[in-house]
Amino acid sequence: MKRLLFVLSFCLSFQINAWSQFYVDGINVQDLDIEYLGLKVFGQTLLSKYTRVIVDYGQNPAFKKQEFMGPKRREIRFHSEVDALNFLYKLGWELDNVYRDDIDEGTANFILRRKKE
């Protein structure tokens, strides 16, 4: 019985670790030594049903299309601002601040902070 519990707990910890992977252009953001994360969200366009998201973790983000990957390096696309925020919340990030650009009123900017354990 103890052996079974050990194996189950080991598998569960591995599964949680696998879900804590979040890659932006090949960089695992979860492994970086950062406390804050910037999220710039553009609305959906006529040509796409997905919302364009730019992640800034201090890397001088290019405002080109970023590639988001999750567990097993599968591509992630967000349907809305809330979809992106919920995804990052599950990975241990919480909303710290929200502001809109003066230049482009349709662009939302979110500052996320790593949750305290």
C-alpha atoms as a PDB file:
ATOM      1  CA  MET A   1       0.000   0.000   0.000  1.00  0.00           C
ATOM      2  CA  LYS A   2       2.806   2.414   0.852  1.00  0.00           C
ATOM      3  CA  ARG A   3       4.471   1.612  -2.440  1.00  0.00           C
ATOM      4  CA  LEU A   4       1.265   2.415  -4.332  1.00  0.00           C
ATOM      5  CA  LEU A   5       0.910   5.780  -2.570  1.00  0.00           C
ATOM      6  CA  PHE A   6       4.539   6.607  -3.328  1.00  0.00           C
ATOM      7  CA  VAL A   7       4.120   5.799  -7.016  1.00  0.00           C
ATOM      8  CA  LEU A   8       0.886   7.831  -7.239  1.00  0.00           C
ATOM      9  CA  SER A   9       2.422  10.850  -5.523  1.00  0.00           C
ATOM     10  CA  PHE A  10       5.490  10.634  -7.766  1.00  0.00           C
ATOM     11  CA  CYS A  11       3.317  10.532 -10.905  1.00  0.00           C
ATOM     12  CA  LEU A  12       1.200  13.442  -9.674  1.00  0.00           C
ATOM     13  CA  SER A  13       4.257  15.610  -8.979  1.00  0.00           C
ATOM     14  CA  PHE A  14       5.597  14.829 -12.456  1.00  0.00           C
ATOM     15  CA  GLN A  15       2.251  15.774 -14.024  1.00  0.00           C
ATOM     16  CA  ILE A  16       2.122  19.094 -12.133  1.00  0.00           C
ATOM     17  CA  ASN A  17       5.677  19.868 -13.233  1.00  0.00           C
ATOM     18  CA  ALA A  18       4.783  19.082 -16.850  1.00  0.00           C
ATOM     19  CA  TRP A  19       1.868  21.520 -16.758  1.00  0.00           C
ATOM     20  CA  SER A  20       4.045  24.292 -15.375  1.00  0.00           C
ATOM     21  CA  GLN A  21       5.862  24.667 -18.696  1.00  0.00           C
ATOM     22  CA  PHE A  22       5.252  27.841 -20.714  1.00  0.00           C
ATOM     23  CA  TYR A  23       7.488  28.685 -23.660  1.00  0.00           C
ATOM     24  CA  VAL A  24       7.680  32.004 -25.508  1.00  0.00           C
ATOM     25  CA  ASP A  25       9.773  31.763 -28.661  1.00  0.00           C
ATOM     26  CA  GLY A  26      11.542  28.693 -27.251  1.00  0.00           C
ATOM     27  CA  ILE A  27      12.311  30.169 -23.798  1.00  0.00           C
ATOM     28  CA  ASN A  28      10.684  28.500 -20.760  1.00  0.00           C
ATOM     29  CA  VAL A  29       9.332  31.542 -18.930  1.00  0.00           C
ATOM     30  CA  GLN A  30       8.599  29.532 -15.770  1.00  0.00           C
ATOM     31  CA  ASP A  31      12.316  28.773 -15.308  1.00  0.00           C
ATOM     32  CA  LEU A  32      13.394  32.418 -15.535  1.00  0.00           C
ATOM     33  CA  ASP A  33      14.313  34.279 -12.355  1.00  0.00           C
ATOM     34  CA  ILE A  34      11.645  36.968 -12.761  1.00  0.00           C
ATOM     35  CA  GLU A  35       8.839  38.208 -10.548  1.00  0.00           C
ATOM     36  CA  TYR A  36       6.821  40.255 -13.057  1.00  0.00           C
ATOM     37  CA  LEU A  37       5.503  39.544 -16.512  1.00  0.00           C
ATOM     38  CA  GLY A  38       3.967  41.973 -18.988  1.00  0.00           C
ATOM     39  CA  LEU A  39       1.102  40.891 -21.205  1.00  0.00           C
ATOM     40  CA  LYS A  40      -0.026  43.079 -24.114  1.00  0.00           C
ATOM     41  CA  VAL A  41      -3.321  41.919 -25.609  1.00  0.00           C
ATOM     42  CA  PHE A  42      -4.613  43.012 -28.994  1.00  0.00           C
ATOM     43  CA  GLY A  43      -8.188  42.318 -30.060  1.00  0.00           C
ATOM     44  CA  GLN A  44      -9.213  39.700 -32.573  1.00  0.00           C
ATOM     45  CA  THR A  45      -8.913  40.584 -36.237  1.00  0.00           C
ATOM     46  CA  LEU A  46     -11.252  39.818 -39.091  1.00  0.00           C
ATOM     47  CA  LEU A  47      -8.824  37.205 -40.383  1.00  0.00           C
ATOM     48  CA  SER A  48      -8.346  35.290 -37.117  1.00  0.00           C
ATOM     49  CA  LYS A  49     -10.574  34.067 -34.311  1.00  0.00           C
ATOM     50  CA  TYR A  50      -7.648  34.201 -31.878  1.00  0.00           C
ATOM     51  CA  THR A  51      -6.438  37.135 -29.800  1.00  0.00           C
ATOM     52  CA  ARG A  52      -2.884  38.345 -30.391  1.00  0.00           C
ATOM     53  CA  VAL A  53      -0.794  38.341 -27.221  1.00  0.00           C
ATOM     54  CA  ILE A  54       2.727  39.676 -26.645  1.00  0.00           C
ATOM     55  CA  VAL A  55       4.588  38.546 -23.512  1.00  0.00           C
ATOM     56  CA  ASP A  56       7.288  40.782 -22.057  1.00  0.00           C
ATOM     57  CA  TYR A  57       9.520  39.200 -19.423  1.00  0.00           C
ATOM     58  CA  GLY A  58      12.301  41.757 -19.858  1.00  0.00           C
ATOM     59  CA  GLN A  59      13.636  40.544 -23.195  1.00  0.00           C
ATOM     60  CA  ASN A  60      12.836  43.691 -25.275  1.00  0.00           C
ATOM     61  CA  PRO A  61       9.885  42.073 -27.030  1.00  0.00           C
ATOM     62  CA  ALA A  62       9.540  42.458 -30.754  1.00  0.00           C
ATOM     63  CA  PHE A  63       5.992  43.274 -31.706  1.00  0.00           C
ATOM     64  CA  LYS A  64       5.925  40.433 -34.164  1.00  0.00           C
ATOM     65  CA  LYS A  65       4.013  37.210 -33.784  1.00  0.00           C
ATOM     66  CA  GLN A  66       5.316  35.313 -30.774  1.00  0.00           C
ATOM     67  CA  GLU A  67       5.160  31.558 -30.566  1.00  0.00           C
ATOM     68  CA  PHE A  68       3.537  30.200 -27.380  1.00  0.00           C
ATOM     69  CA  MET A  69       4.065  26.610 -26.368  1.00  0.00           C
ATOM     70  CA  GLY A  70       2.732  24.695 -23.406  1.00  0.00           C
ATOM     71  CA  PRO A  71       3.327  21.197 -22.108  1.00  0.00           C
ATOM     72  CA  LYS A  72       4.893  18.842 -24.653  1.00  0.00           C
ATOM     73  CA  ARG A  73       5.723  21.933 -26.751  1.00  0.00           C
ATOM     74  CA  ARG A  74       2.214  22.195 -28.162  1.00  0.00           C
ATOM     75  CA  GLU A  75       1.140  25.553 -29.580  1.00  0.00           C
ATOM     76  CA  ILE A  76      -1.225  27.615 -27.446  1.00  0.00           C
ATOM     77  CA  ARG A  77      -3.670  30.134 -28.885  1.00  0.00           C
ATOM     78  CA  PHE A  78      -5.860  32.410 -26.820  1.00  0.00           C
ATOM     79  CA  HIS A  79      -9.475  33.241 -27.660  1.00  0.00           C
ATOM     80  CA  SER A  80      -9.618  36.336 -25.436  1.00  0.00           C
ATOM     81  CA  GLU A  81      -7.820  38.389 -22.779  1.00  0.00           C
ATOM     82  CA  VAL A  82      -9.450  36.322 -20.076  1.00  0.00           C
ATOM     83  CA  ASP A  83      -8.331  33.089 -21.724  1.00  0.00           C
ATOM     84  CA  ALA A  84      -4.690  34.255 -21.566  1.00  0.00           C
ATOM     85  CA  LEU A  85      -5.056  35.477 -17.966  1.00  0.00           C
ATOM     86  CA  ASN A  86      -6.667  32.207 -16.828  1.00  0.00           C
ATOM     87  CA  PHE A  87      -3.892  30.211 -18.494  1.00  0.00           C
ATOM     88  CA  LEU A  88      -1.185  32.183 -16.688  1.00  0.00           C
ATOM     89  CA  TYR A  89      -3.086  32.087 -13.379  1.00  0.00           C
ATOM     90  CA  LYS A  90      -3.039  28.285 -13.513  1.00  0.00           C
ATOM     91  CA  LEU A  91       0.737  28.470 -13.966  1.00  0.00           C
ATOM     92  CA  GLY A  92       1.231  30.544 -10.826  1.00  0.00           C
ATOM     93  CA  TRP A  93       0.854  34.158 -12.002  1.00  0.00           C
ATOM     94  CA  GLU A  94      -1.613  36.671 -10.565  1.00  0.00           C
ATOM     95  CA  LEU A  95      -2.854  39.993 -11.875  1.00  0.00           C
ATOM     96  CA  ASP A  96      -1.051  42.977 -10.369  1.00  0.00           C
ATOM     97  CA  ASN A  97      -2.009  45.935 -12.586  1.00  0.00           C
ATOM     98  CA  VAL A  98      -4.007  46.781 -15.735  1.00  0.00           C
ATOM     99  CA  TYR A  99      -3.615  49.805 -17.987  1.00  0.00           C
ATOM    100  CA  ARG A 100      -4.486  50.885 -21.538  1.00  0.00           C
ATOM    101  CA  ASP A 101      -2.141  52.525 -24.026  1.00  0.00           C
ATOM    102  CA  ASP A 102      -2.869  56.188 -24.741  1.00  0.00           C
ATOM    103  CA  ILE A 103      -1.832  55.673 -28.358  1.00  0.00           C
ATOM    104  CA  ASP A 104      -4.003  52.640 -29.092  1.00  0.00           C
ATOM    105  CA  GLU A 105      -7.149  52.555 -26.970  1.00  0.00           C
ATOM    106  CA  GLY A 106      -7.926  48.987 -28.002  1.00  0.00           C
ATOM    107  CA  THR A 107      -4.761  47.507 -26.508  1.00  0.00           C
ATOM    108  CA  ALA A 108      -4.890  46.203 -22.943  1.00  0.00           C
ATOM    109  CA  ASN A 109      -1.722  45.794 -20.897  1.00  0.00           C
ATOM    110  CA  PHE A 110      -1.561  43.505 -17.892  1.00  0.00           C
ATOM    111  CA  ILE A 111       1.203  43.247 -15.334  1.00  0.00           C
ATOM    112  CA  LEU A 112       1.284  39.828 -13.714  1.00  0.00           C
ATOM    113  CA  ARG A 113       3.218  38.850 -10.613  1.00  0.00           C
ATOM    114  CA  ARG A 114       4.415  35.409  -9.634  1.00  0.00           C
ATOM    115  CA  LYS A 115       2.199  34.089  -6.822  1.00  0.00           C
ATOM    116  CA  LYS A 116       3.729  33.858  -3.382  1.00  0.00           C
ATOM    117  CA  GLU A 117       3.794  30.354  -2.022  1.00  0.00           C
END
